[in-house]
Amino acid sequence: MIWKQEFAKLGKKFDEKQSCLCLTVQPNMPDMLNDRIAEMVFEDFEFDAFTQVSSHSMIHQAAIAENPNLTSQNCHLVIDSGFSFTSIVPFFGGLPLRHATVRIDVGGKLLTNLLTENLSYKEINLKGEGYLVN
């Protein structure tokens, strides 16, 4: 339903049947979910082409492209910290090591709440002022 609403906002400027979709996914997403997404993209929306890429792989490739000293044969670590979690993906020989990928439920919201609590304990009460702490 969310995708339908967003594609509808684009109006007549956007035709799924003549478009390609590149979707970023989280590492270690279950294969069953990946298959269901692909099925939905082709059957429900009828996209012409589709690919799923880990945002960590895109970050890794961009870093190699920007820095000539890096090569894909080295060992790299990509850390992505978001609102509710942080994921850590090691790369070796240019490929992500799925078995060593870690997701930690520590993100911006938890850190903001911790800072709010610490500031409110020692200084002024900011418990209802989360937007100030952000």
C-alpha atoms as a PDB file:
ATOM      1  CA  MET A   1       0.000   0.000   0.000  1.00  0.00           C
ATOM      2  CA  ILE A   2       2.858   2.388   0.795  1.00  0.00           C
ATOM      3  CA  TRP A   3       4.518   1.787  -2.568  1.00  0.00           C
ATOM      4  CA  LYS A   4       1.215   2.283  -4.398  1.00  0.00           C
ATOM      5  CA  GLN A   5       0.695   5.616  -2.622  1.00  0.00           C
ATOM      6  CA  GLU A   6       4.222   6.804  -3.385  1.00  0.00           C
ATOM      7  CA  PHE A   7       4.096   5.767  -7.035  1.00  0.00           C
ATOM      8  CA  ALA A   8       0.677   7.440  -7.368  1.00  0.00           C
ATOM      9  CA  LYS A   9       2.210  10.726  -6.145  1.00  0.00           C
ATOM     10  CA  LEU A  10       4.502  10.659  -9.175  1.00  0.00           C
ATOM     11  CA  GLY A  11       1.444  10.623 -11.404  1.00  0.00           C
ATOM     12  CA  LYS A  12       1.673  10.207 -15.150  1.00  0.00           C
ATOM     13  CA  LYS A  13       5.378  11.116 -15.167  1.00  0.00           C
ATOM     14  CA  PHE A  14       6.157   7.603 -13.957  1.00  0.00           C
ATOM     15  CA  ASP A  15       5.381   4.346 -15.731  1.00  0.00           C
ATOM     16  CA  GLU A  16       6.497   1.220 -13.880  1.00  0.00           C
ATOM     17  CA  LYS A  17       6.364  -0.894 -17.043  1.00  0.00           C
ATOM     18  CA  GLN A  18       9.105   1.234 -18.618  1.00  0.00           C
ATOM     19  CA  SER A  19      11.170   1.697 -15.448  1.00  0.00           C
ATOM     20  CA  CYS A  20      13.895  -0.112 -13.570  1.00  0.00           C
ATOM     21  CA  LEU A  21      13.887  -0.335  -9.770  1.00  0.00           C
ATOM     22  CA  CYS A  22      16.982  -0.471  -7.578  1.00  0.00           C
ATOM     23  CA  LEU A  23      16.054  -1.278  -3.984  1.00  0.00           C
ATOM     24  CA  THR A  24      18.475  -1.091  -1.080  1.00  0.00           C
ATOM     25  CA  VAL A  25      18.035  -3.837   1.484  1.00  0.00           C
ATOM     26  CA  GLN A  26      19.506  -4.616   4.861  1.00  0.00           C
ATOM     27  CA  PRO A  27      22.223  -7.255   5.082  1.00  0.00           C
ATOM     28  CA  ASN A  28      21.102 -10.711   6.202  1.00  0.00           C
ATOM     29  CA  MET A  29      17.521 -10.120   5.154  1.00  0.00           C
ATOM     30  CA  PRO A  30      15.737 -13.488   4.969  1.00  0.00           C
ATOM     31  CA  ASP A  31      15.659 -15.015   1.477  1.00  0.00           C
ATOM     32  CA  MET A  32      11.903 -15.543   1.790  1.00  0.00           C
ATOM     33  CA  LEU A  33      11.414 -11.774   2.173  1.00  0.00           C
ATOM     34  CA  ASN A  34      13.740 -11.058  -0.772  1.00  0.00           C
ATOM     35  CA  ASP A  35      11.725 -13.464  -2.926  1.00  0.00           C
ATOM     36  CA  ARG A  36       8.424 -11.886  -1.892  1.00  0.00           C
ATOM     37  CA  ILE A  37       9.715  -8.401  -2.725  1.00  0.00           C
ATOM     38  CA  ALA A  38      10.864  -9.542  -6.168  1.00  0.00           C
ATOM     39  CA  GLU A  39       7.508 -11.202  -6.772  1.00  0.00           C
ATOM     40  CA  MET A  40       5.676  -8.023  -5.782  1.00  0.00           C
ATOM     41  CA  VAL A  41       7.891  -5.807  -7.963  1.00  0.00           C
ATOM     42  CA  PHE A  42       7.313  -7.875 -11.100  1.00  0.00           C
ATOM     43  CA  GLU A  43       3.765  -9.141 -10.614  1.00  0.00           C
ATOM     44  CA  ASP A  44       2.021  -6.276  -8.776  1.00  0.00           C
ATOM     45  CA  PHE A  45       3.883  -3.305 -10.247  1.00  0.00           C
ATOM     46  CA  GLU A  46       5.191  -4.857 -13.484  1.00  0.00           C
ATOM     47  CA  PHE A  47       8.586  -3.141 -13.429  1.00  0.00           C
ATOM     48  CA  ASP A  48      10.777  -3.729 -16.479  1.00  0.00           C
ATOM     49  CA  ALA A  49      13.868  -4.606 -14.410  1.00  0.00           C
ATOM     50  CA  PHE A  50      14.756  -4.919 -10.745  1.00  0.00           C
ATOM     51  CA  THR A  51      17.813  -5.335  -8.540  1.00  0.00           C
ATOM     52  CA  GLN A  52      18.342  -5.520  -4.799  1.00  0.00           C
ATOM     53  CA  VAL A  53      21.567  -4.105  -3.421  1.00  0.00           C
ATOM     54  CA  SER A  54      22.822  -3.849   0.121  1.00  0.00           C
ATOM     55  CA  SER A  55      23.374  -0.224   1.088  1.00  0.00           C
ATOM     56  CA  HIS A  56      26.631  -1.396   2.658  1.00  0.00           C
ATOM     57  CA  SER A  57      27.836  -2.733  -0.691  1.00  0.00           C
ATOM     58  CA  MET A  58      27.028   0.603  -2.326  1.00  0.00           C
ATOM     59  CA  ILE A  59      28.932   2.482   0.383  1.00  0.00           C
ATOM     60  CA  HIS A  60      31.885   0.105  -0.017  1.00  0.00           C
ATOM     61  CA  GLN A  61      32.006   0.557  -3.800  1.00  0.00           C
ATOM     62  CA  ALA A  62      31.697   4.347  -3.490  1.00  0.00           C
ATOM     63  CA  ALA A  63      34.580   4.459  -1.004  1.00  0.00           C
ATOM     64  CA  ILE A  64      36.798   2.439  -3.365  1.00  0.00           C
ATOM     65  CA  ALA A  65      35.846   4.675  -6.306  1.00  0.00           C
ATOM     66  CA  GLU A  66      36.620   7.871  -4.361  1.00  0.00           C
ATOM     67  CA  ASN A  67      39.894   6.749  -2.795  1.00  0.00           C
ATOM     68  CA  PRO A  68      42.526   5.410  -5.223  1.00  0.00           C
ATOM     69  CA  ASN A  69      44.576   3.980  -2.334  1.00  0.00           C
ATOM     70  CA  LEU A  70      41.835   1.476  -1.512  1.00  0.00           C
ATOM     71  CA  THR A  71      41.443  -1.696  -3.500  1.00  0.00           C
ATOM     72  CA  SER A  72      38.645  -4.223  -3.374  1.00  0.00           C
ATOM     73  CA  GLN A  73      41.208  -6.877  -2.398  1.00  0.00           C
ATOM     74  CA  ASN A  74      41.732  -5.316   1.025  1.00  0.00           C
ATOM     75  CA  CYS A  75      39.682  -5.981   4.133  1.00  0.00           C
ATOM     76  CA  HIS A  76      37.138  -3.225   4.870  1.00  0.00           C
ATOM     77  CA  LEU A  77      34.494  -2.586   7.500  1.00  0.00           C
ATOM     78  CA  VAL A  78      31.287  -0.636   6.808  1.00  0.00           C
ATOM     79  CA  ILE A  79      29.361   0.640   9.825  1.00  0.00           C
ATOM     80  CA  ASP A  80      25.888   2.059   9.248  1.00  0.00           C
ATOM     81  CA  SER A  81      24.219   3.684  12.226  1.00  0.00           C
ATOM     82  CA  GLY A  82      20.591   4.713  11.858  1.00  0.00           C
ATOM     83  CA  PHE A  83      17.618   5.696  13.978  1.00  0.00           C
ATOM     84  CA  SER A  84      17.006   2.402  15.741  1.00  0.00           C
ATOM     85  CA  PHE A  85      19.985   0.151  15.021  1.00  0.00           C
ATOM     86  CA  THR A  86      23.574  -0.063  13.829  1.00  0.00           C
ATOM     87  CA  SER A  87      24.794  -2.690  11.388  1.00  0.00           C
ATOM     88  CA  ILE A  88      28.397  -3.698  10.830  1.00  0.00           C
ATOM     89  CA  VAL A  89      29.428  -5.478   7.632  1.00  0.00           C
ATOM     90  CA  PRO A  90      32.991  -6.672   7.004  1.00  0.00           C
ATOM     91  CA  PHE A  91      34.214  -6.974   3.397  1.00  0.00           C
ATOM     92  CA  PHE A  92      37.055  -9.209   2.311  1.00  0.00           C
ATOM     93  CA  GLY A  93      38.231  -9.370  -1.272  1.00  0.00           C
ATOM     94  CA  GLY A  94      35.424  -7.023  -2.281  1.00  0.00           C
ATOM     95  CA  LEU A  95      32.684  -9.336  -1.002  1.00  0.00           C
ATOM     96  CA  PRO A  96      30.597  -8.946   2.154  1.00  0.00           C
ATOM     97  CA  LEU A  97      31.076 -11.629   4.777  1.00  0.00           C
ATOM     98  CA  ARG A  98      27.432 -12.430   5.555  1.00  0.00           C
ATOM     99  CA  HIS A  99      28.286 -14.788   8.393  1.00  0.00           C
ATOM    100  CA  ALA A 100      30.232 -12.025  10.172  1.00  0.00           C
ATOM    101  CA  THR A 101      27.602  -9.294   9.715  1.00  0.00           C
ATOM    102  CA  VAL A 102      26.313  -7.912  13.008  1.00  0.00           C
ATOM    103  CA  ARG A 103      23.221  -5.879  13.853  1.00  0.00           C
ATOM    104  CA  ILE A 104      23.174  -4.028  17.160  1.00  0.00           C
ATOM    105  CA  ASP A 105      19.970  -2.463  18.473  1.00  0.00           C
ATOM    106  CA  VAL A 106      21.735   0.801  19.282  1.00  0.00           C
ATOM    107  CA  GLY A 107      20.934   3.787  17.138  1.00  0.00           C
ATOM    108  CA  GLY A 108      20.288   7.491  17.230  1.00  0.00           C
ATOM    109  CA  LYS A 109      17.080   7.239  19.267  1.00  0.00           C
ATOM    110  CA  LEU A 110      18.735   5.270  22.066  1.00  0.00           C
ATOM    111  CA  LEU A 111      21.671   7.676  22.173  1.00  0.00           C
ATOM    112  CA  THR A 112      19.329  10.692  22.197  1.00  0.00           C
ATOM    113  CA  ASN A 113      17.340   9.184  25.074  1.00  0.00           C
ATOM    114  CA  LEU A 114      20.529   8.477  27.023  1.00  0.00           C
ATOM    115  CA  LEU A 115      21.779  12.035  26.497  1.00  0.00           C
ATOM    116  CA  THR A 116      18.372  13.432  27.526  1.00  0.00           C
ATOM    117  CA  GLU A 117      18.441  11.374  30.708  1.00  0.00           C
ATOM    118  CA  ASN A 118      21.996  12.437  31.574  1.00  0.00           C
ATOM    119  CA  LEU A 119      21.307  16.132  30.941  1.00  0.00           C
ATOM    120  CA  SER A 120      18.051  16.027  32.910  1.00  0.00           C
ATOM    121  CA  TYR A 121      19.731  14.338  35.856  1.00  0.00           C
ATOM    122  CA  LYS A 122      22.435  16.958  36.332  1.00  0.00           C
ATOM    123  CA  GLU A 123      21.119  20.149  34.766  1.00  0.00           C
ATOM    124  CA  ILE A 124      17.648  21.131  33.606  1.00  0.00           C
ATOM    125  CA  ASN A 125      14.777  18.754  32.890  1.00  0.00           C
ATOM    126  CA  LEU A 126      14.737  18.030  29.153  1.00  0.00           C
ATOM    127  CA  LYS A 127      12.648  14.832  29.249  1.00  0.00           C
ATOM    128  CA  GLY A 128       9.819  16.388  27.228  1.00  0.00           C
ATOM    129  CA  GLU A 129      12.172  18.309  24.920  1.00  0.00           C
ATOM    130  CA  GLY A 130      13.562  15.550  22.690  1.00  0.00           C
ATOM    131  CA  TYR A 131      13.750  17.849  19.668  1.00  0.00           C
ATOM    132  CA  LEU A 132      16.181  20.122  21.575  1.00  0.00           C
ATOM    133  CA  VAL A 133      18.443  17.211  22.445  1.00  0.00           C
ATOM    134  CA  ASN A 134      18.380  15.998  18.828  1.00  0.00           C
END
